[in-house]
Amino acid sequence: MNNCMEKYDDIINLPHHVSKKHPQMSMSQRAAQFAPFAALTGHDKAIEDTAKRNEESYDL
C-alpha cells in the first residue's frame, strides 16, 4: 500500500484550490449533484406494480 501512496506524494499536501472566478456552492447545491438520476424516476412505482400483479396471480 505504501508504494501506491508514493505516486501521489507530489500532490497529497497541496492546499485546496478556491476559485477566484466562481463562488463556492452551498452544501445543498453540492448534494443535489449526487441526487438519484432522472432515469430512475418511477422505478419504485414499477416495482410496486409488479409486486401487486404477482400477489394477484398467487390469489388465483
C-alpha atoms as a PDB file:
ATOM      1  CA  MET A   1       0.000   0.000   0.000  1.00  0.00           C
ATOM      2  CA  ASN A   2       2.892   2.308   0.691  1.00  0.00           C
ATOM      3  CA  ASN A   3       4.000   2.037  -2.950  1.00  0.00           C
ATOM      4  CA  CYS A   4       0.563   3.188  -4.108  1.00  0.00           C
ATOM      5  CA  MET A   5       0.705   6.332  -1.968  1.00  0.00           C
ATOM      6  CA  GLU A   6       4.141   7.251  -3.295  1.00  0.00           C
ATOM      7  CA  LYS A   7       2.578   8.036  -6.666  1.00  0.00           C
ATOM      8  CA  TYR A   8       0.746  10.965  -5.064  1.00  0.00           C
ATOM      9  CA  ASP A   9       3.481  12.340  -2.825  1.00  0.00           C
ATOM     10  CA  ASP A  10       3.884  15.428  -5.018  1.00  0.00           C
ATOM     11  CA  ILE A  11       0.221  16.479  -4.698  1.00  0.00           C
ATOM     12  CA  ILE A  12      -1.060  14.980  -1.459  1.00  0.00           C
ATOM     13  CA  ASN A  13      -0.271  18.002   0.727  1.00  0.00           C
ATOM     14  CA  LEU A  14      -1.172  20.791  -1.689  1.00  0.00           C
ATOM     15  CA  PRO A  15      -3.681  23.372  -0.405  1.00  0.00           C
ATOM     16  CA  HIS A  16      -7.289  23.075  -1.548  1.00  0.00           C
ATOM     17  CA  HIS A  17      -7.957  25.220  -4.631  1.00  0.00           C
ATOM     18  CA  VAL A  18     -10.522  28.005  -4.241  1.00  0.00           C
ATOM     19  CA  SER A  19     -11.645  29.707  -7.442  1.00  0.00           C
ATOM     20  CA  LYS A  20     -11.376  33.471  -7.732  1.00  0.00           C
ATOM     21  CA  LYS A  21     -13.963  33.487 -10.559  1.00  0.00           C
ATOM     22  CA  HIS A  22     -16.703  31.191  -9.314  1.00  0.00           C
ATOM     23  CA  PRO A  23     -18.342  31.371  -5.877  1.00  0.00           C
ATOM     24  CA  GLN A  24     -18.360  28.208  -3.820  1.00  0.00           C
ATOM     25  CA  MET A  25     -21.515  26.104  -3.980  1.00  0.00           C
ATOM     26  CA  SER A  26     -23.634  25.663  -0.902  1.00  0.00           C
ATOM     27  CA  MET A  27     -23.725  22.209   0.673  1.00  0.00           C
ATOM     28  CA  SER A  28     -27.294  21.661  -0.602  1.00  0.00           C
ATOM     29  CA  GLN A  29     -26.265  22.570  -4.162  1.00  0.00           C
ATOM     30  CA  ARG A  30     -23.347  20.160  -3.995  1.00  0.00           C
ATOM     31  CA  ALA A  31     -25.574  17.425  -2.575  1.00  0.00           C
ATOM     32  CA  ALA A  32     -28.088  17.922  -5.392  1.00  0.00           C
ATOM     33  CA  GLN A  33     -25.414  16.849  -7.860  1.00  0.00           C
ATOM     34  CA  PHE A  34     -25.463  13.416  -6.291  1.00  0.00           C
ATOM     35  CA  ALA A  35     -29.255  13.027  -6.224  1.00  0.00           C
ATOM     36  CA  PRO A  36     -30.687   9.965  -7.978  1.00  0.00           C
ATOM     37  CA  PHE A  37     -30.668  10.129 -11.759  1.00  0.00           C
ATOM     38  CA  ALA A  38     -33.921  11.071 -13.521  1.00  0.00           C
ATOM     39  CA  ALA A  39     -33.705   7.754 -15.372  1.00  0.00           C
ATOM     40  CA  LEU A  40     -34.733   6.045 -12.138  1.00  0.00           C
ATOM     41  CA  THR A  41     -37.816   8.214 -11.628  1.00  0.00           C
ATOM     42  CA  GLY A  42     -40.801   5.891 -11.375  1.00  0.00           C
ATOM     43  CA  HIS A  43     -38.676   2.839 -10.594  1.00  0.00           C
ATOM     44  CA  ASP A  44     -40.255   2.365  -7.148  1.00  0.00           C
ATOM     45  CA  LYS A  45     -43.739   2.601  -8.681  1.00  0.00           C
ATOM     46  CA  ALA A  46     -42.839  -0.043 -11.280  1.00  0.00           C
ATOM     47  CA  ILE A  47     -41.614  -2.383  -8.525  1.00  0.00           C
ATOM     48  CA  GLU A  48     -44.830  -1.849  -6.540  1.00  0.00           C
ATOM     49  CA  ASP A  49     -46.964  -2.558  -9.627  1.00  0.00           C
ATOM     50  CA  THR A  50     -45.036  -5.745 -10.356  1.00  0.00           C
ATOM     51  CA  ALA A  51     -45.391  -6.884  -6.742  1.00  0.00           C
ATOM     52  CA  LYS A  52     -49.173  -6.293  -6.859  1.00  0.00           C
ATOM     53  CA  ARG A  53     -49.511  -8.276 -10.095  1.00  0.00           C
ATOM     54  CA  ASN A  54     -47.527 -11.129  -8.565  1.00  0.00           C
ATOM     55  CA  GLU A  55     -49.671 -11.116  -5.433  1.00  0.00           C
ATOM     56  CA  GLU A  56     -52.852 -11.157  -7.542  1.00  0.00           C
ATOM     57  CA  SER A  57     -51.587 -14.124  -9.576  1.00  0.00           C
ATOM     58  CA  TYR A  58     -50.961 -16.054  -6.344  1.00  0.00           C
ATOM     59  CA  ASP A  59     -54.529 -15.306  -5.213  1.00  0.00           C
ATOM     60  CA  LEU A  60     -55.902 -17.090  -8.283  1.00  0.00           C
END
